[in-house]
């Protein structure tokens, strides 16, 4: 499924677009499925480092809400919020490249 606002591909279990924050049309989950939390990783093509998008995807909340909370944490008091963002940026792995990009890169280098 793709986001109706920005056109990015959405994960099957995502309720919000991790890039623009648009809510996805709700569909009831299958009765026998077990919810698996996605790994905590930074999204590609994020606003700054992709940290807020990755945290929003991990906790399944709106990315705009995460950005606002992180901004408030960076302002009041400034040092812990900024340090936490930098630490998350360094520690959190980035999402792997999509399969289409990796196959293009392999064909270009060959």
PDB file of N, CA and C in Angstrom:
ATOM      1  N   UNK A   1       0.848  -1.169   0.000  1.00  0.00           N
ATOM      2  CA  UNK A   1       0.000   0.000   0.000  1.00  0.00           C
ATOM      3  C   UNK A   1       0.895   1.234   0.000  1.00  0.00           C
ATOM      4  N   UNK A   2       0.410   2.304  -0.617  1.00  0.00           N
ATOM      5  CA  UNK A   2       1.152   3.544  -0.727  1.00  0.00           C
ATOM      6  C   UNK A   2       0.422   4.671  -0.003  1.00  0.00           C
ATOM      7  N   UNK A   3       1.195   5.646   0.477  1.00  0.00           N
ATOM      8  CA  UNK A   3       0.629   6.803   1.171  1.00  0.00           C
ATOM      9  C   UNK A   3      -0.164   7.639   0.175  1.00  0.00           C
ATOM     10  N   UNK A   4      -1.357   8.053   0.568  1.00  0.00           N
ATOM     11  CA  UNK A   4      -2.197   8.857  -0.318  1.00  0.00           C
ATOM     12  C   UNK A   4      -1.720  10.306  -0.398  1.00  0.00           C
ATOM     13  N   UNK A   5      -0.828  10.721   0.527  1.00  0.00           N
ATOM     14  CA  UNK A   5      -0.354  12.097   0.538  1.00  0.00           C
ATOM     15  C   UNK A   5       0.978  12.259  -0.192  1.00  0.00           C
ATOM     16  N   UNK A   6       1.976  11.442   0.175  1.00  0.00           N
ATOM     17  CA  UNK A   6       3.307  11.614  -0.408  1.00  0.00           C
ATOM     18  C   UNK A   6       3.671  10.524  -1.406  1.00  0.00           C
ATOM     19  N   UNK A   7       2.925   9.431  -1.459  1.00  0.00           N
ATOM     20  CA  UNK A   7       3.172   8.389  -2.442  1.00  0.00           C
ATOM     21  C   UNK A   7       4.209   7.361  -2.046  1.00  0.00           C
ATOM     22  N   UNK A   8       4.731   7.424  -0.831  1.00  0.00           N
ATOM     23  CA  UNK A   8       5.734   6.451  -0.385  1.00  0.00           C
ATOM     24  C   UNK A   8       5.074   5.128  -0.047  1.00  0.00           C
ATOM     25  N   UNK A   9       5.832   4.038  -0.199  1.00  0.00           N
ATOM     26  CA  UNK A   9       5.320   2.708   0.115  1.00  0.00           C
ATOM     27  C   UNK A   9       5.215   2.561   1.629  1.00  0.00           C
ATOM     28  N   UNK A  10       4.064   2.075   2.101  1.00  0.00           N
ATOM     29  CA  UNK A  10       3.826   1.867   3.518  1.00  0.00           C
ATOM     30  C   UNK A  10       4.026   0.403   3.869  1.00  0.00           C
ATOM     31  N   UNK A  11       4.487   0.160   5.086  1.00  0.00           N
ATOM     32  CA  UNK A  11       4.580  -1.208   5.574  1.00  0.00           C
ATOM     33  C   UNK A  11       3.174  -1.721   5.836  1.00  0.00           C
ATOM     34  N   UNK A  12       3.001  -3.032   5.812  1.00  0.00           N
ATOM     35  CA  UNK A  12       1.673  -3.623   5.961  1.00  0.00           C
ATOM     36  C   UNK A  12       1.027  -3.261   7.291  1.00  0.00           C
ATOM     37  N   UNK A  13       1.808  -3.213   8.389  1.00  0.00           N
ATOM     38  CA  UNK A  13       1.225  -2.980   9.699  1.00  0.00           C
ATOM     39  C   UNK A  13       1.231  -1.502  10.108  1.00  0.00           C
ATOM     40  N   UNK A  14       1.741  -0.612   9.256  1.00  0.00           N
ATOM     41  CA  UNK A  14       1.831   0.807   9.606  1.00  0.00           C
ATOM     42  C   UNK A  14       0.449   1.462   9.607  1.00  0.00           C
ATOM     43  N   UNK A  15       0.210   2.292  10.641  1.00  0.00           N
ATOM     44  CA  UNK A  15      -1.035   3.054  10.703  1.00  0.00           C
ATOM     45  C   UNK A  15      -0.847   4.469  10.182  1.00  0.00           C
ATOM     46  N   UNK A  16       0.412   4.934  10.134  1.00  0.00           N
ATOM     47  CA  UNK A  16       0.733   6.269   9.667  1.00  0.00           C
ATOM     48  C   UNK A  16       1.912   6.178   8.706  1.00  0.00           C
ATOM     49  N   UNK A  17       2.013   7.124   7.803  1.00  0.00           N
ATOM     50  CA  UNK A  17       3.167   7.219   6.924  1.00  0.00           C
ATOM     51  C   UNK A  17       4.334   7.725   7.761  1.00  0.00           C
ATOM     52  N   UNK A  18       5.450   7.017   7.749  1.00  0.00           N
ATOM     53  CA  UNK A  18       6.586   7.423   8.570  1.00  0.00           C
ATOM     54  C   UNK A  18       7.306   8.631   7.991  1.00  0.00           C
ATOM     55  N   UNK A  19       6.964   9.050   6.783  1.00  0.00           N
ATOM     56  CA  UNK A  19       7.606  10.205   6.187  1.00  0.00           C
ATOM     57  C   UNK A  19       6.794  11.480   6.381  1.00  0.00           C
ATOM     58  N   UNK A  20       5.497  11.438   6.057  1.00  0.00           N
ATOM     59  CA  UNK A  20       4.695  12.666   6.130  1.00  0.00           C
ATOM     60  C   UNK A  20       3.682  12.653   7.276  1.00  0.00           C
ATOM     61  N   UNK A  21       3.431  11.487   7.898  1.00  0.00           N
ATOM     62  CA  UNK A  21       2.537  11.418   9.047  1.00  0.00           C
ATOM     63  C   UNK A  21       1.069  11.265   8.725  1.00  0.00           C
ATOM     64  N   UNK A  22       0.722  11.078   7.471  1.00  0.00           N
ATOM     65  CA  UNK A  22      -0.674  10.925   7.086  1.00  0.00           C
ATOM     66  C   UNK A  22      -1.219   9.600   7.601  1.00  0.00           C
ATOM     67  N   UNK A  23      -2.385   9.600   8.260  1.00  0.00           N
ATOM     68  CA  UNK A  23      -2.947   8.327   8.732  1.00  0.00           C
ATOM     69  C   UNK A  23      -3.406   7.469   7.565  1.00  0.00           C
ATOM     70  N   UNK A  24      -3.225   6.186   7.733  1.00  0.00           N
ATOM     71  CA  UNK A  24      -3.630   5.220   6.713  1.00  0.00           C
ATOM     72  C   UNK A  24      -5.076   4.825   6.959  1.00  0.00           C
ATOM     73  N   UNK A  25      -5.773   4.476   5.907  1.00  0.00           N
ATOM     74  CA  UNK A  25      -7.144   3.996   6.054  1.00  0.00           C
ATOM     75  C   UNK A  25      -7.122   2.743   6.922  1.00  0.00           C
ATOM     76  N   UNK A  26      -7.960   2.718   7.936  1.00  0.00           N
ATOM     77  CA  UNK A  26      -7.918   1.608   8.872  1.00  0.00           C
ATOM     78  C   UNK A  26      -8.579   0.375   8.288  1.00  0.00           C
ATOM     79  N   UNK A  27      -7.937  -0.730   8.516  1.00  0.00           N
ATOM     80  CA  UNK A  27      -8.473  -2.028   8.117  1.00  0.00           C
ATOM     81  C   UNK A  27      -8.302  -2.957   9.305  1.00  0.00           C
ATOM     82  N   UNK A  28      -9.303  -3.748   9.627  1.00  0.00           N
ATOM     83  CA  UNK A  28      -9.173  -4.626  10.783  1.00  0.00           C
ATOM     84  C   UNK A  28      -8.085  -5.678  10.540  1.00  0.00           C
ATOM     85  N   UNK A  29      -7.270  -5.965  11.565  1.00  0.00           N
ATOM     86  CA  UNK A  29      -6.229  -6.968  11.382  1.00  0.00           C
ATOM     87  C   UNK A  29      -6.840  -8.357  11.280  1.00  0.00           C
ATOM     88  N   UNK A  30      -6.171  -9.251  10.575  1.00  0.00           N
ATOM     89  CA  UNK A  30      -6.679 -10.620  10.505  1.00  0.00           C
ATOM     90  C   UNK A  30      -6.753 -11.221  11.910  1.00  0.00           C
ATOM     91  N   UNK A  31      -7.764 -12.025  12.199  1.00  0.00           N
ATOM     92  CA  UNK A  31      -7.964 -12.515  13.560  1.00  0.00           C
ATOM     93  C   UNK A  31      -6.862 -13.428  14.074  1.00  0.00           C
ATOM     94  N   UNK A  32      -6.151 -14.132  13.187  1.00  0.00           N
ATOM     95  CA  UNK A  32      -5.140 -15.067  13.664  1.00  0.00           C
ATOM     96  C   UNK A  32      -3.721 -14.514  13.575  1.00  0.00           C
ATOM     97  N   UNK A  33      -3.574 -13.234  13.231  1.00  0.00           N
ATOM     98  CA  UNK A  33      -2.230 -12.677  13.090  1.00  0.00           C
ATOM     99  C   UNK A  33      -1.715 -12.154  14.431  1.00  0.00           C
ATOM    100  N   UNK A  34      -0.419 -12.246  14.605  1.00  0.00           N
ATOM    101  CA  UNK A  34       0.250 -11.737  15.794  1.00  0.00           C
ATOM    102  C   UNK A  34       1.047 -10.516  15.370  1.00  0.00           C
ATOM    103  N   UNK A  35       0.898  -9.426  16.117  1.00  0.00           N
ATOM    104  CA  UNK A  35       1.584  -8.191  15.773  1.00  0.00           C
ATOM    105  C   UNK A  35       3.049  -8.309  16.161  1.00  0.00           C
ATOM    106  N   UNK A  36       3.924  -8.089  15.185  1.00  0.00           N
ATOM    107  CA  UNK A  36       5.356  -8.053  15.446  1.00  0.00           C
ATOM    108  C   UNK A  36       5.826  -6.621  15.304  1.00  0.00           C
ATOM    109  N   UNK A  37       6.521  -6.152  16.313  1.00  0.00           N
ATOM    110  CA  UNK A  37       7.040  -4.793  16.292  1.00  0.00           C
ATOM    111  C   UNK A  37       8.221  -4.728  15.331  1.00  0.00           C
ATOM    112  N   UNK A  38       8.268  -3.715  14.460  1.00  0.00           N
ATOM    113  CA  UNK A  38       9.400  -3.611  13.528  1.00  0.00           C
ATOM    114  C   UNK A  38      10.677  -3.277  14.298  1.00  0.00           C
ATOM    115  N   UNK A  39      11.826  -3.577  13.733  1.00  0.00           N
ATOM    116  CA  UNK A  39      13.076  -3.249  14.428  1.00  0.00           C
ATOM    117  C   UNK A  39      13.254  -1.734  14.517  1.00  0.00           C
ATOM    118  N   UNK A  40      13.923  -1.306  15.570  1.00  0.00           N
ATOM    119  CA  UNK A  40      14.185   0.117  15.758  1.00  0.00           C
ATOM    120  C   UNK A  40      15.337   0.505  14.845  1.00  0.00           C
ATOM    121  N   UNK A  41      15.020   1.240  13.794  1.00  0.00           N
ATOM    122  CA  UNK A  41      16.043   1.685  12.843  1.00  0.00           C
ATOM    123  C   UNK A  41      15.606   3.013  12.234  1.00  0.00           C
ATOM    124  N   UNK A  42      16.597   3.768  11.766  1.00  0.00           N
ATOM    125  CA  UNK A  42      16.309   5.057  11.147  1.00  0.00           C
ATOM    126  C   UNK A  42      15.742   4.837   9.753  1.00  0.00           C
ATOM    127  N   UNK A  43      14.810   5.707   9.349  1.00  0.00           N
ATOM    128  CA  UNK A  43      14.250   5.595   8.004  1.00  0.00           C
ATOM    129  C   UNK A  43      15.174   6.296   7.020  1.00  0.00           C
ATOM    130  N   UNK A  44      15.135   5.833   5.801  1.00  0.00           N
ATOM    131  CA  UNK A  44      15.892   6.507   4.742  1.00  0.00           C
ATOM    132  C   UNK A  44      15.114   7.744   4.318  1.00  0.00           C
ATOM    133  N   UNK A  45      15.818   8.748   3.843  1.00  0.00           N
ATOM    134  CA  UNK A  45      15.214   9.994   3.348  1.00  0.00           C
ATOM    135  C   UNK A  45      14.401  10.691   4.427  1.00  0.00           C
ATOM    136  N   UNK A  46      14.889  10.675   5.672  1.00  0.00           N
ATOM    137  CA  UNK A  46      14.214  11.379   6.757  1.00  0.00           C
ATOM    138  C   UNK A  46      14.474  12.874   6.666  1.00  0.00           C
ATOM    139  N   UNK A  47      13.797  13.630   7.516  1.00  0.00           N
ATOM    140  CA  UNK A  47      13.959  15.083   7.499  1.00  0.00           C
ATOM    141  C   UNK A  47      15.405  15.473   7.805  1.00  0.00           C
ATOM    142  N   UNK A  48      15.970  14.978   8.905  1.00  0.00           N
ATOM    143  CA  UNK A  48      17.359  15.278   9.248  1.00  0.00           C
ATOM    144  C   UNK A  48      18.155  13.979   9.239  1.00  0.00           C
ATOM    145  N   UNK A  49      17.882  13.113  10.194  1.00  0.00           N
ATOM    146  CA  UNK A  49      18.619  11.863  10.257  1.00  0.00           C
ATOM    147  C   UNK A  49      17.735  10.640  10.182  1.00  0.00           C
ATOM    148  N   UNK A  50      16.425  10.828  10.169  1.00  0.00           N
ATOM    149  CA  UNK A  50      15.508   9.706  10.119  1.00  0.00           C
ATOM    150  C   UNK A  50      15.198   9.105  11.466  1.00  0.00           C
ATOM    151  N   UNK A  51      15.686   9.738  12.543  1.00  0.00           N
ATOM    152  CA  UNK A  51      15.495   9.206  13.892  1.00  0.00           C
ATOM    153  C   UNK A  51      14.024   9.275  14.302  1.00  0.00           C
ATOM    154  N   UNK A  52      13.389  10.408  14.132  1.00  0.00           N
ATOM    155  CA  UNK A  52      11.992  10.555  14.548  1.00  0.00           C
ATOM    156  C   UNK A  52      11.077   9.621  13.765  1.00  0.00           C
ATOM    157  N   UNK A  53      11.338   9.457  12.478  1.00  0.00           N
ATOM    158  CA  UNK A  53      10.548   8.534  11.675  1.00  0.00           C
ATOM    159  C   UNK A  53      10.708   7.101  12.138  1.00  0.00           C
ATOM    160  N   UNK A  54      11.933   6.721  12.507  1.00  0.00           N
ATOM    161  CA  UNK A  54      12.174   5.368  13.007  1.00  0.00           C
ATOM    162  C   UNK A  54      11.512   5.127  14.351  1.00  0.00           C
ATOM    163  N   UNK A  55      11.569   6.117  15.236  1.00  0.00           N
ATOM    164  CA  UNK A  55      10.916   5.991  16.546  1.00  0.00           C
ATOM    165  C   UNK A  55       9.400   5.929  16.369  1.00  0.00           C
ATOM    166  N   UNK A  56       8.862   6.740  15.470  1.00  0.00           N
ATOM    167  CA  UNK A  56       7.419   6.733  15.219  1.00  0.00           C
ATOM    168  C   UNK A  56       6.975   5.385  14.665  1.00  0.00           C
ATOM    169  N   UNK A  57       7.750   4.810  13.765  1.00  0.00           N
ATOM    170  CA  UNK A  57       7.409   3.504  13.208  1.00  0.00           C
ATOM    171  C   UNK A  57       7.498   2.421  14.287  1.00  0.00           C
ATOM    172  N   UNK A  58       8.505   2.492  15.155  1.00  0.00           N
ATOM    173  CA  UNK A  58       8.688   1.489  16.200  1.00  0.00           C
ATOM    174  C   UNK A  58       7.529   1.499  17.193  1.00  0.00           C
ATOM    175  N   UNK A  59       7.094   2.689  17.612  1.00  0.00           N
ATOM    176  CA  UNK A  59       5.997   2.800  18.580  1.00  0.00           C
ATOM    177  C   UNK A  59       4.631   2.913  17.906  1.00  0.00           C
ATOM    178  N   UNK A  60       4.598   2.922  16.577  1.00  0.00           N
ATOM    179  CA  UNK A  60       3.367   2.977  15.788  1.00  0.00           C
ATOM    180  C   UNK A  60       2.526   4.199  16.147  1.00  0.00           C
ATOM    181  N   UNK A  61       3.183   5.363  16.139  1.00  0.00           N
ATOM    182  CA  UNK A  61       2.496   6.631  16.392  1.00  0.00           C
ATOM    183  C   UNK A  61       2.837   7.601  15.259  1.00  0.00           C
ATOM    184  N   UNK A  62       2.164   8.711  15.246  1.00  0.00           N
ATOM    185  CA  UNK A  62       2.350   9.711  14.201  1.00  0.00           C
ATOM    186  C   UNK A  62       3.737  10.337  14.305  1.00  0.00           C
ATOM    187  N   UNK A  63       4.429  10.463  13.172  1.00  0.00           N
ATOM    188  CA  UNK A  63       5.774  11.014  13.163  1.00  0.00           C
ATOM    189  C   UNK A  63       5.777  12.490  13.563  1.00  0.00           C
ATOM    190  N   UNK A  64       4.718  13.210  13.264  1.00  0.00           N
ATOM    191  CA  UNK A  64       4.646  14.620  13.641  1.00  0.00           C
ATOM    192  C   UNK A  64       4.632  14.772  15.159  1.00  0.00           C
ATOM    193  N   UNK A  65       3.921  13.893  15.836  1.00  0.00           N
ATOM    194  CA  UNK A  65       3.889  13.923  17.303  1.00  0.00           C
ATOM    195  C   UNK A  65       5.276  13.660  17.875  1.00  0.00           C
ATOM    196  N   UNK A  66       5.994  12.712  17.316  1.00  0.00           N
ATOM    197  CA  UNK A  66       7.351  12.407  17.785  1.00  0.00           C
ATOM    198  C   UNK A  66       8.261  13.612  17.553  1.00  0.00           C
ATOM    199  N   UNK A  67       8.134  14.253  16.407  1.00  0.00           N
ATOM    200  CA  UNK A  67       8.971  15.430  16.123  1.00  0.00           C
ATOM    201  C   UNK A  67       8.687  16.566  17.088  1.00  0.00           C
ATOM    202  N   UNK A  68       7.417  16.781  17.416  1.00  0.00           N
ATOM    203  CA  UNK A  68       7.065  17.856  18.353  1.00  0.00           C
ATOM    204  C   UNK A  68       7.616  17.556  19.741  1.00  0.00           C
ATOM    205  N   UNK A  69       7.455  16.313  20.199  1.00  0.00           N
ATOM    206  CA  UNK A  69       7.969  15.940  21.524  1.00  0.00           C
ATOM    207  C   UNK A  69       9.487  16.064  21.562  1.00  0.00           C
ATOM    208  N   UNK A  70      10.154  15.631  20.500  1.00  0.00           N
ATOM    209  CA  UNK A  70      11.609  15.716  20.467  1.00  0.00           C
ATOM    210  C   UNK A  70      12.078  17.168  20.420  1.00  0.00           C
ATOM    211  N   UNK A  71      11.347  18.009  19.703  1.00  0.00           N
ATOM    212  CA  UNK A  71      11.690  19.432  19.660  1.00  0.00           C
ATOM    213  C   UNK A  71      11.554  20.057  21.043  1.00  0.00           C
ATOM    214  N   UNK A  72      10.475  19.724  21.752  1.00  0.00           N
ATOM    215  CA  UNK A  72      10.309  20.239  23.112  1.00  0.00           C
ATOM    216  C   UNK A  72      11.410  19.728  24.038  1.00  0.00           C
ATOM    217  N   UNK A  73      11.825  18.466  23.852  1.00  0.00           N
ATOM    218  CA  UNK A  73      12.915  17.922  24.667  1.00  0.00           C
ATOM    219  C   UNK A  73      14.243  18.595  24.334  1.00  0.00           C
ATOM    220  N   UNK A  74      14.388  19.050  23.100  1.00  0.00           N
ATOM    221  CA  UNK A  74      15.620  19.726  22.708  1.00  0.00           C
ATOM    222  C   UNK A  74      15.648  21.185  23.164  1.00  0.00           C
ATOM    223  N   UNK A  75      14.479  21.758  23.453  1.00  0.00           N
ATOM    224  CA  UNK A  75      14.422  23.160  23.879  1.00  0.00           C
ATOM    225  C   UNK A  75      14.443  23.275  25.398  1.00  0.00           C
ATOM    226  N   UNK A  76      13.715  22.409  26.101  1.00  0.00           N
ATOM    227  CA  UNK A  76      13.582  22.505  27.568  1.00  0.00           C
ATOM    228  C   UNK A  76      14.095  21.258  28.237  1.00  0.00           C
ATOM    229  N   UNK A  77      15.177  21.100  28.779  1.00  0.00           N
ATOM    230  CA  UNK A  77      16.463  21.785  28.624  1.00  0.00           C
ATOM    231  C   UNK A  77      17.150  21.323  27.349  1.00  0.00           C
ATOM    232  N   UNK A  78      17.962  22.156  26.724  1.00  0.00           N
ATOM    233  CA  UNK A  78      18.476  21.856  25.392  1.00  0.00           C
ATOM    234  C   UNK A  78      19.493  20.720  25.320  1.00  0.00           C
ATOM    235  N   UNK A  79      20.358  20.590  26.265  1.00  0.00           N
ATOM    236  CA  UNK A  79      21.459  19.627  26.143  1.00  0.00           C
ATOM    237  C   UNK A  79      20.988  18.171  26.097  1.00  0.00           C
ATOM    238  N   UNK A  80      20.137  17.682  27.026  1.00  0.00           N
ATOM    239  CA  UNK A  80      19.759  16.259  26.954  1.00  0.00           C
ATOM    240  C   UNK A  80      19.006  15.878  25.680  1.00  0.00           C
ATOM    241  N   UNK A  81      18.129  16.733  25.184  1.00  0.00           N
ATOM    242  CA  UNK A  81      17.379  16.420  23.980  1.00  0.00           C
ATOM    243  C   UNK A  81      18.263  16.345  22.747  1.00  0.00           C
ATOM    244  N   UNK A  82      19.191  17.262  22.629  1.00  0.00           N
ATOM    245  CA  UNK A  82      20.101  17.273  21.484  1.00  0.00           C
ATOM    246  C   UNK A  82      21.065  16.101  21.557  1.00  0.00           C
ATOM    247  N   UNK A  83      21.594  15.828  22.747  1.00  0.00           N
ATOM    248  CA  UNK A  83      22.513  14.704  22.924  1.00  0.00           C
ATOM    249  C   UNK A  83      21.798  13.383  22.638  1.00  0.00           C
ATOM    250  N   UNK A  84      20.553  13.245  23.093  1.00  0.00           N
ATOM    251  CA  UNK A  84      19.795  12.010  22.844  1.00  0.00           C
ATOM    252  C   UNK A  84      19.568  11.809  21.352  1.00  0.00           C
ATOM    253  N   UNK A  85      19.274  12.877  20.612  1.00  0.00           N
ATOM    254  CA  UNK A  85      19.069  12.762  19.168  1.00  0.00           C
ATOM    255  C   UNK A  85      20.355  12.332  18.480  1.00  0.00           C
ATOM    256  N   UNK A  86      21.474  12.941  18.858  1.00  0.00           N
ATOM    257  CA  UNK A  86      22.759  12.592  18.242  1.00  0.00           C
ATOM    258  C   UNK A  86      23.139  11.149  18.557  1.00  0.00           C
ATOM    259  N   UNK A  87      22.911  10.723  19.797  1.00  0.00           N
ATOM    260  CA  UNK A  87      23.208   9.335  20.172  1.00  0.00           C
ATOM    261  C   UNK A  87      22.335   8.374  19.370  1.00  0.00           C
ATOM    262  N   UNK A  88      21.049   8.670  19.238  1.00  0.00           N
ATOM    263  CA  UNK A  88      20.162   7.812  18.443  1.00  0.00           C
ATOM    264  C   UNK A  88      20.584   7.793  16.980  1.00  0.00           C
ATOM    265  N   UNK A  89      21.021   8.921  16.463  1.00  0.00           N
ATOM    266  CA  UNK A  89      21.459   9.013  15.081  1.00  0.00           C
ATOM    267  C   UNK A  89      22.674   8.109  14.836  1.00  0.00           C
ATOM    268  N   UNK A  90      23.581   8.076  15.812  1.00  0.00           N
ATOM    269  CA  UNK A  90      24.789   7.269  15.671  1.00  0.00           C
ATOM    270  C   UNK A  90      24.508   5.788  15.934  1.00  0.00           C
ATOM    271  N   UNK A  91      23.686   5.480  16.940  1.00  0.00           N
ATOM    272  CA  UNK A  91      23.486   4.097  17.378  1.00  0.00           C
ATOM    273  C   UNK A  91      22.471   3.343  16.528  1.00  0.00           C
ATOM    274  N   UNK A  92      21.384   3.999  16.139  1.00  0.00           N
ATOM    275  CA  UNK A  92      20.321   3.314  15.386  1.00  0.00           C
ATOM    276  C   UNK A  92      20.800   2.997  13.971  1.00  0.00           C
ATOM    277  N   UNK A  93      20.658   1.752  13.524  1.00  0.00           N
ATOM    278  CA  UNK A  93      21.046   1.435  12.149  1.00  0.00           C
ATOM    279  C   UNK A  93      20.045   2.020  11.160  1.00  0.00           C
ATOM    280  N   UNK A  94      20.513   2.292   9.959  1.00  0.00           N
ATOM    281  CA  UNK A  94      19.635   2.817   8.922  1.00  0.00           C
ATOM    282  C   UNK A  94      18.943   1.650   8.226  1.00  0.00           C
ATOM    283  N   UNK A  95      17.725   1.890   7.741  1.00  0.00           N
ATOM    284  CA  UNK A  95      16.997   0.862   7.005  1.00  0.00           C
ATOM    285  C   UNK A  95      17.837   0.375   5.829  1.00  0.00           C
ATOM    286  N   UNK A  96      17.732  -0.901   5.488  1.00  0.00           N
ATOM    287  CA  UNK A  96      18.448  -1.373   4.296  1.00  0.00           C
ATOM    288  C   UNK A  96      17.838  -0.748   3.044  1.00  0.00           C
ATOM    289  N   UNK A  97      18.636  -0.625   1.979  1.00  0.00           N
ATOM    290  CA  UNK A  97      18.089  -0.037   0.754  1.00  0.00           C
ATOM    291  C   UNK A  97      17.018  -0.942   0.164  1.00  0.00           C
ATOM    292  N   UNK A  98      16.048  -0.356  -0.523  1.00  0.00           N
ATOM    293  CA  UNK A  98      15.025  -1.178  -1.184  1.00  0.00           C
ATOM    294  C   UNK A  98      15.664  -2.105  -2.211  1.00  0.00           C
ATOM    295  N   UNK A  99      14.992  -3.200  -2.513  1.00  0.00           N
ATOM    296  CA  UNK A  99      15.536  -4.197  -3.432  1.00  0.00           C
ATOM    297  C   UNK A  99      15.759  -3.617  -4.819  1.00  0.00           C
ATOM    298  N   UNK A 100      14.887  -2.720  -5.262  1.00  0.00           N
ATOM    299  CA  UNK A 100      15.023  -2.132  -6.596  1.00  0.00           C
ATOM    300  C   UNK A 100      16.291  -1.295  -6.701  1.00  0.00           C
ATOM    301  N   UNK A 101      16.629  -0.526  -5.648  1.00  0.00           N
ATOM    302  CA  UNK A 101      17.829   0.301  -5.671  1.00  0.00           C
ATOM    303  C   UNK A 101      19.081  -0.559  -5.637  1.00  0.00           C
ATOM    304  N   UNK A 102      19.078  -1.623  -4.842  1.00  0.00           N
ATOM    305  CA  UNK A 102      20.268  -2.448  -4.731  1.00  0.00           C
ATOM    306  C   UNK A 102      20.535  -3.200  -6.028  1.00  0.00           C
ATOM    307  N   UNK A 103      19.486  -3.622  -6.754  1.00  0.00           N
ATOM    308  CA  UNK A 103      19.692  -4.299  -8.033  1.00  0.00           C
ATOM    309  C   UNK A 103      20.173  -3.324  -9.095  1.00  0.00           C
ATOM    310  N   UNK A 104      19.715  -2.054  -9.038  1.00  0.00           N
ATOM    311  CA  UNK A 104      20.201  -1.039  -9.973  1.00  0.00           C
ATOM    312  C   UNK A 104      21.669  -0.758  -9.718  1.00  0.00           C
ATOM    313  N   UNK A 105      22.057  -0.664  -8.448  1.00  0.00           N
ATOM    314  CA  UNK A 105      23.449  -0.373  -8.109  1.00  0.00           C
ATOM    315  C   UNK A 105      24.344  -1.528  -8.552  1.00  0.00           C
ATOM    316  N   UNK A 106      23.872  -2.756  -8.439  1.00  0.00           N
ATOM    317  CA  UNK A 106      24.666  -3.900  -8.855  1.00  0.00           C
ATOM    318  C   UNK A 106      24.850  -3.918 -10.365  1.00  0.00           C
ATOM    319  N   UNK A 107      23.825  -3.538 -11.128  1.00  0.00           N
ATOM    320  CA  UNK A 107      23.921  -3.551 -12.580  1.00  0.00           C
ATOM    321  C   UNK A 107      24.782  -2.388 -13.083  1.00  0.00           C
ATOM    322  N   UNK A 108      24.809  -1.274 -12.353  1.00  0.00           N
ATOM    323  CA  UNK A 108      25.616  -0.124 -12.770  1.00  0.00           C
ATOM    324  C   UNK A 108      27.097  -0.417 -12.558  1.00  0.00           C
ATOM    325  N   UNK A 109      27.439  -1.063 -11.435  1.00  0.00           N
ATOM    326  CA  UNK A 109      28.829  -1.340 -11.134  1.00  0.00           C
ATOM    327  C   UNK A 109      29.392  -2.484 -11.957  1.00  0.00           C
ATOM    328  N   UNK A 110      28.534  -3.317 -12.518  1.00  0.00           N
ATOM    329  CA  UNK A 110      29.015  -4.475 -13.286  1.00  0.00           C
ATOM    330  C   UNK A 110      29.429  -4.109 -14.686  1.00  0.00           C
TER     331      UNK A 110
END
